[in-house]
N, C-alpha and C. Protein backbone atom coordinates (compact mmCIF):
# COMPACT_ATOMS: atom_id res chain seq x y z
N MET A 1 -82.37 -46.83 -106.83
CA MET A 1 -83.30 -46.53 -107.88
C MET A 1 -84.71 -46.37 -107.32
N ALA A 2 -85.07 -47.24 -106.38
CA ALA A 2 -86.40 -47.16 -105.79
C ALA A 2 -86.60 -45.82 -105.08
N ALA A 3 -85.57 -45.39 -104.35
CA ALA A 3 -85.66 -44.12 -103.63
C ALA A 3 -85.78 -42.95 -104.59
N LEU A 4 -85.07 -43.01 -105.69
CA LEU A 4 -85.15 -41.93 -106.68
C LEU A 4 -86.52 -41.91 -107.35
N ALA A 5 -87.08 -43.06 -107.64
CA ALA A 5 -88.37 -43.12 -108.31
C ALA A 5 -89.47 -42.46 -107.48
N LEU A 6 -89.33 -42.50 -106.17
CA LEU A 6 -90.34 -41.90 -105.30
C LEU A 6 -90.38 -40.38 -105.40
N HIS A 7 -89.31 -39.77 -105.90
CA HIS A 7 -89.24 -38.32 -105.99
C HIS A 7 -89.69 -37.79 -107.35
N LEU A 8 -90.09 -38.69 -108.23
CA LEU A 8 -90.59 -38.27 -109.53
C LEU A 8 -92.05 -37.84 -109.42
N PRO A 9 -92.52 -36.98 -110.32
CA PRO A 9 -93.95 -36.66 -110.34
C PRO A 9 -94.75 -37.95 -110.60
N PRO A 10 -95.99 -38.02 -110.11
CA PRO A 10 -96.78 -39.26 -110.23
C PRO A 10 -96.87 -39.82 -111.65
N ASP A 11 -97.04 -38.96 -112.65
CA ASP A 11 -97.15 -39.49 -114.02
C ASP A 11 -95.86 -40.14 -114.48
N GLN A 12 -94.72 -39.64 -114.03
CA GLN A 12 -93.45 -40.26 -114.38
C GLN A 12 -93.18 -41.51 -113.56
N GLN A 13 -93.70 -41.56 -112.32
CA GLN A 13 -93.54 -42.76 -111.51
C GLN A 13 -94.17 -43.95 -112.21
N GLU A 14 -95.35 -43.75 -112.81
CA GLU A 14 -96.03 -44.84 -113.52
C GLU A 14 -95.20 -45.36 -114.67
N GLN A 15 -94.48 -44.48 -115.34
CA GLN A 15 -93.64 -44.89 -116.46
C GLN A 15 -92.41 -45.66 -115.98
N VAL A 16 -91.88 -45.28 -114.84
CA VAL A 16 -90.64 -45.85 -114.34
C VAL A 16 -90.88 -47.11 -113.50
N LEU A 17 -92.08 -47.26 -112.95
CA LEU A 17 -92.36 -48.38 -112.06
C LEU A 17 -92.03 -49.74 -112.66
N PRO A 18 -92.45 -50.07 -113.88
CA PRO A 18 -92.10 -51.39 -114.41
C PRO A 18 -90.59 -51.63 -114.48
N GLU A 19 -89.85 -50.60 -114.85
CA GLU A 19 -88.40 -50.74 -114.96
C GLU A 19 -87.76 -50.92 -113.58
N THR A 20 -88.22 -50.16 -112.61
CA THR A 20 -87.64 -50.27 -111.27
C THR A 20 -88.00 -51.61 -110.63
N LEU A 21 -89.22 -52.10 -110.89
CA LEU A 21 -89.60 -53.41 -110.38
C LEU A 21 -88.74 -54.51 -111.01
N ALA A 22 -88.55 -54.43 -112.30
CA ALA A 22 -87.72 -55.42 -112.98
C ALA A 22 -86.29 -55.39 -112.45
N ALA A 23 -85.77 -54.20 -112.22
CA ALA A 23 -84.41 -54.09 -111.67
C ALA A 23 -84.34 -54.65 -110.26
N ALA A 24 -85.34 -54.37 -109.45
CA ALA A 24 -85.36 -54.90 -108.07
C ALA A 24 -85.46 -56.41 -108.08
N GLN A 25 -86.30 -56.97 -108.94
CA GLN A 25 -86.46 -58.42 -109.01
C GLN A 25 -85.17 -59.11 -109.46
N ALA A 26 -84.37 -58.42 -110.23
CA ALA A 26 -83.14 -59.01 -110.76
C ALA A 26 -81.99 -59.02 -109.75
N ILE A 27 -82.15 -58.34 -108.64
CA ILE A 27 -81.09 -58.31 -107.63
C ILE A 27 -80.92 -59.71 -107.06
N GLU A 28 -79.72 -60.22 -107.09
CA GLU A 28 -79.45 -61.59 -106.65
C GLU A 28 -79.38 -61.72 -105.12
N TRP A 29 -78.81 -60.73 -104.45
CA TRP A 29 -78.65 -60.82 -103.00
C TRP A 29 -80.02 -60.59 -102.37
N GLU A 30 -80.51 -61.60 -101.66
CA GLU A 30 -81.90 -61.58 -101.18
C GLU A 30 -82.21 -60.43 -100.24
N VAL A 31 -81.28 -60.02 -99.40
CA VAL A 31 -81.54 -58.92 -98.48
C VAL A 31 -81.71 -57.61 -99.25
N ALA A 32 -80.83 -57.38 -100.20
CA ALA A 32 -80.92 -56.15 -101.00
C ALA A 32 -82.18 -56.15 -101.87
N ARG A 33 -82.53 -57.32 -102.41
CA ARG A 33 -83.74 -57.40 -103.23
C ARG A 33 -84.98 -57.11 -102.40
N ALA A 34 -85.07 -57.71 -101.22
CA ALA A 34 -86.23 -57.48 -100.35
C ALA A 34 -86.32 -56.00 -99.97
N ARG A 35 -85.20 -55.37 -99.69
CA ARG A 35 -85.21 -53.94 -99.35
C ARG A 35 -85.69 -53.09 -100.52
N ALA A 36 -85.21 -53.42 -101.71
CA ALA A 36 -85.62 -52.66 -102.89
C ALA A 36 -87.11 -52.85 -103.15
N LEU A 37 -87.59 -54.09 -103.03
CA LEU A 37 -89.02 -54.34 -103.22
C LEU A 37 -89.85 -53.62 -102.16
N ALA A 38 -89.38 -53.63 -100.92
CA ALA A 38 -90.10 -52.94 -99.84
C ALA A 38 -90.16 -51.43 -100.10
N ALA A 39 -89.10 -50.88 -100.68
CA ALA A 39 -89.09 -49.44 -100.99
C ALA A 39 -90.08 -49.12 -102.11
N LEU A 40 -90.27 -50.05 -103.03
CA LEU A 40 -91.19 -49.83 -104.15
C LEU A 40 -92.64 -50.18 -103.81
N ALA A 41 -92.85 -51.00 -102.80
CA ALA A 41 -94.19 -51.51 -102.50
C ALA A 41 -95.23 -50.42 -102.26
N PRO A 42 -94.96 -49.39 -101.47
CA PRO A 42 -96.00 -48.36 -101.27
C PRO A 42 -96.38 -47.65 -102.57
N GLN A 43 -95.40 -47.38 -103.40
CA GLN A 43 -95.66 -46.72 -104.68
C GLN A 43 -96.48 -47.64 -105.57
N TRP A 44 -96.13 -48.91 -105.61
CA TRP A 44 -96.85 -49.88 -106.43
C TRP A 44 -98.28 -50.04 -105.91
N ALA A 45 -98.44 -50.11 -104.59
CA ALA A 45 -99.78 -50.25 -104.00
C ALA A 45 -100.66 -49.05 -104.35
N ALA A 46 -100.11 -47.86 -104.30
CA ALA A 46 -100.88 -46.66 -104.65
C ALA A 46 -101.24 -46.67 -106.13
N TRP A 47 -100.31 -47.08 -106.96
CA TRP A 47 -100.55 -47.16 -108.41
C TRP A 47 -101.64 -48.19 -108.70
N ALA A 48 -101.66 -49.29 -107.94
CA ALA A 48 -102.62 -50.37 -108.16
C ALA A 48 -104.06 -49.90 -107.97
N ALA A 49 -104.27 -48.94 -107.10
CA ALA A 49 -105.62 -48.46 -106.83
C ALA A 49 -106.30 -47.91 -108.08
N SER A 50 -105.54 -47.29 -108.95
CA SER A 50 -106.13 -46.69 -110.15
C SER A 50 -105.79 -47.44 -111.44
N ASN A 51 -105.01 -48.50 -111.32
CA ASN A 51 -104.57 -49.25 -112.51
C ASN A 51 -104.66 -50.76 -112.26
N ARG A 52 -105.82 -51.21 -111.82
CA ARG A 52 -105.99 -52.61 -111.41
C ARG A 52 -105.51 -53.64 -112.44
N PRO A 53 -106.00 -53.59 -113.70
CA PRO A 53 -105.57 -54.64 -114.64
C PRO A 53 -104.05 -54.68 -114.83
N ALA A 54 -103.44 -53.52 -114.99
CA ALA A 54 -101.98 -53.47 -115.17
C ALA A 54 -101.27 -53.91 -113.89
N ALA A 55 -101.82 -53.55 -112.74
CA ALA A 55 -101.19 -53.94 -111.47
C ALA A 55 -101.27 -55.46 -111.27
N TYR A 56 -102.41 -56.07 -111.64
CA TYR A 56 -102.52 -57.52 -111.54
C TYR A 56 -101.55 -58.21 -112.49
N ASP A 57 -101.41 -57.67 -113.70
CA ASP A 57 -100.44 -58.24 -114.65
C ASP A 57 -99.02 -58.16 -114.09
N ARG A 58 -98.69 -57.01 -113.51
CA ARG A 58 -97.35 -56.83 -112.94
C ARG A 58 -97.16 -57.79 -111.76
N TRP A 59 -98.21 -57.98 -110.94
CA TRP A 59 -98.14 -58.89 -109.80
C TRP A 59 -97.89 -60.33 -110.28
N THR A 60 -98.63 -60.74 -111.31
CA THR A 60 -98.46 -62.09 -111.85
C THR A 60 -97.04 -62.31 -112.35
N GLU A 61 -96.53 -61.34 -113.07
CA GLU A 61 -95.16 -61.45 -113.58
C GLU A 61 -94.15 -61.47 -112.44
N THR A 62 -94.37 -60.63 -111.44
CA THR A 62 -93.46 -60.58 -110.29
C THR A 62 -93.45 -61.92 -109.56
N LEU A 63 -94.62 -62.50 -109.33
CA LEU A 63 -94.68 -63.81 -108.67
C LEU A 63 -93.97 -64.88 -109.49
N ARG A 64 -94.12 -64.83 -110.79
CA ARG A 64 -93.45 -65.80 -111.66
C ARG A 64 -91.94 -65.72 -111.48
N VAL A 65 -91.42 -64.51 -111.48
CA VAL A 65 -89.97 -64.32 -111.34
C VAL A 65 -89.50 -64.71 -109.94
N LEU A 66 -90.19 -64.23 -108.91
CA LEU A 66 -89.75 -64.47 -107.54
C LEU A 66 -89.90 -65.93 -107.13
N SER A 67 -90.85 -66.64 -107.73
CA SER A 67 -91.07 -68.04 -107.35
C SER A 67 -89.97 -68.97 -107.84
N THR A 68 -89.09 -68.47 -108.65
CA THR A 68 -87.97 -69.31 -109.12
C THR A 68 -86.85 -69.38 -108.10
N ARG A 69 -86.96 -68.62 -107.04
CA ARG A 69 -85.92 -68.57 -106.01
C ARG A 69 -86.27 -69.53 -104.87
N PRO A 70 -85.29 -69.81 -104.00
CA PRO A 70 -85.56 -70.68 -102.85
C PRO A 70 -86.69 -70.12 -101.97
N ARG A 71 -87.39 -71.01 -101.29
CA ARG A 71 -88.56 -70.65 -100.48
C ARG A 71 -88.27 -69.51 -99.50
N PRO A 72 -87.16 -69.54 -98.74
CA PRO A 72 -86.92 -68.42 -97.79
C PRO A 72 -86.81 -67.07 -98.49
N HIS A 73 -86.23 -67.07 -99.69
CA HIS A 73 -86.10 -65.81 -100.44
C HIS A 73 -87.47 -65.33 -100.90
N LEU A 74 -88.29 -66.27 -101.40
CA LEU A 74 -89.64 -65.91 -101.82
C LEU A 74 -90.44 -65.34 -100.66
N LEU A 75 -90.33 -65.95 -99.50
CA LEU A 75 -91.08 -65.46 -98.34
C LEU A 75 -90.63 -64.06 -97.94
N ALA A 76 -89.33 -63.80 -97.99
CA ALA A 76 -88.84 -62.46 -97.68
C ALA A 76 -89.35 -61.44 -98.69
N ASP A 77 -89.37 -61.84 -99.95
CA ASP A 77 -89.86 -60.93 -100.99
C ASP A 77 -91.36 -60.66 -100.83
N LEU A 78 -92.13 -61.71 -100.51
CA LEU A 78 -93.56 -61.52 -100.29
C LEU A 78 -93.83 -60.62 -99.08
N HIS A 79 -93.03 -60.80 -98.05
CA HIS A 79 -93.16 -59.92 -96.88
C HIS A 79 -92.93 -58.47 -97.29
N ALA A 80 -91.92 -58.24 -98.11
CA ALA A 80 -91.61 -56.88 -98.56
C ALA A 80 -92.75 -56.31 -99.40
N LEU A 81 -93.46 -57.18 -100.10
CA LEU A 81 -94.52 -56.73 -101.01
C LEU A 81 -95.91 -56.80 -100.38
N ALA A 82 -96.00 -56.97 -99.07
CA ALA A 82 -97.29 -57.06 -98.39
C ALA A 82 -98.22 -55.89 -98.69
N PRO A 83 -97.73 -54.65 -98.78
CA PRO A 83 -98.65 -53.55 -99.12
C PRO A 83 -99.31 -53.72 -100.49
N VAL A 84 -98.59 -54.29 -101.43
CA VAL A 84 -99.14 -54.52 -102.76
C VAL A 84 -100.20 -55.62 -102.70
N LEU A 85 -99.87 -56.68 -101.98
CA LEU A 85 -100.81 -57.79 -101.81
C LEU A 85 -102.11 -57.29 -101.19
N ALA A 86 -102.01 -56.45 -100.18
CA ALA A 86 -103.20 -55.88 -99.53
C ALA A 86 -103.97 -54.96 -100.47
N ALA A 87 -103.24 -54.18 -101.27
CA ALA A 87 -103.90 -53.27 -102.21
C ALA A 87 -104.65 -54.03 -103.30
N LEU A 88 -104.10 -55.15 -103.73
CA LEU A 88 -104.73 -55.92 -104.80
C LEU A 88 -105.83 -56.85 -104.30
N GLY A 89 -105.65 -57.41 -103.11
CA GLY A 89 -106.59 -58.41 -102.63
C GLY A 89 -107.36 -58.06 -101.39
N GLY A 90 -107.12 -56.89 -100.86
CA GLY A 90 -107.79 -56.50 -99.63
C GLY A 90 -107.01 -56.98 -98.41
N PRO A 91 -107.41 -56.52 -97.22
CA PRO A 91 -106.65 -56.82 -96.01
C PRO A 91 -106.53 -58.32 -95.71
N GLY A 92 -107.51 -59.11 -96.08
CA GLY A 92 -107.46 -60.54 -95.81
C GLY A 92 -106.51 -61.29 -96.73
N ALA A 93 -106.08 -60.66 -97.81
CA ALA A 93 -105.21 -61.33 -98.78
C ALA A 93 -103.88 -61.74 -98.16
N ILE A 94 -103.36 -60.92 -97.27
CA ILE A 94 -102.07 -61.24 -96.64
C ILE A 94 -102.23 -62.49 -95.79
N THR A 95 -103.25 -62.53 -94.96
CA THR A 95 -103.48 -63.69 -94.10
C THR A 95 -103.71 -64.94 -94.94
N GLU A 96 -104.56 -64.84 -95.94
CA GLU A 96 -104.86 -66.00 -96.78
C GLU A 96 -103.62 -66.50 -97.51
N THR A 97 -102.80 -65.59 -98.00
CA THR A 97 -101.59 -65.98 -98.71
C THR A 97 -100.64 -66.73 -97.79
N PHE A 98 -100.43 -66.20 -96.61
CA PHE A 98 -99.48 -66.85 -95.71
C PHE A 98 -100.04 -68.14 -95.12
N CYS A 99 -101.36 -68.26 -94.98
CA CYS A 99 -101.95 -69.55 -94.58
C CYS A 99 -101.72 -70.59 -95.68
N ALA A 100 -101.89 -70.17 -96.92
CA ALA A 100 -101.65 -71.08 -98.05
C ALA A 100 -100.19 -71.51 -98.09
N ILE A 101 -99.29 -70.59 -97.81
CA ILE A 101 -97.86 -70.92 -97.80
C ILE A 101 -97.57 -71.93 -96.69
N GLN A 102 -98.18 -71.74 -95.54
CA GLN A 102 -98.00 -72.70 -94.44
C GLN A 102 -98.53 -74.07 -94.83
N ASP A 103 -99.68 -74.12 -95.48
CA ASP A 103 -100.22 -75.40 -95.93
C ASP A 103 -99.25 -76.10 -96.88
N VAL A 104 -98.75 -75.37 -97.84
CA VAL A 104 -97.80 -75.96 -98.79
C VAL A 104 -96.55 -76.43 -98.06
N GLY A 105 -96.09 -75.66 -97.09
CA GLY A 105 -94.92 -76.07 -96.31
C GLY A 105 -95.15 -77.37 -95.55
N ARG A 106 -96.37 -77.61 -95.11
CA ARG A 106 -96.69 -78.87 -94.43
C ARG A 106 -96.77 -80.02 -95.43
N TRP A 107 -97.27 -79.75 -96.63
CA TRP A 107 -97.40 -80.80 -97.62
C TRP A 107 -96.05 -81.17 -98.23
N TRP A 108 -95.22 -80.14 -98.48
CA TRP A 108 -93.91 -80.36 -99.09
C TRP A 108 -92.85 -79.65 -98.27
N PRO A 109 -92.43 -80.26 -97.18
CA PRO A 109 -91.45 -79.59 -96.29
C PRO A 109 -90.16 -79.36 -96.93
């Protein structure tokens, strides 16, 4: 689905993005989910540039859903979504996020 969404005209990609993200997030097998998220990440990052409030809302919802999974799965999903994180928070957002994750890992191993 992610690969097909990339071939839609830009105005249709915006309409399909929430549905494709929801479908990718619902994938139970962590490897397949991370791949689907990675395939959608560039499109989502590009969309975020012109749709900041909606992109932040989608990011918040995505984190809520992904955070319910085991830590290794969340980390794989965040890695797949690094382009989105950079688009929303700038280049330092990736470093800061993963430093925070390391801190939490030290506090609650």
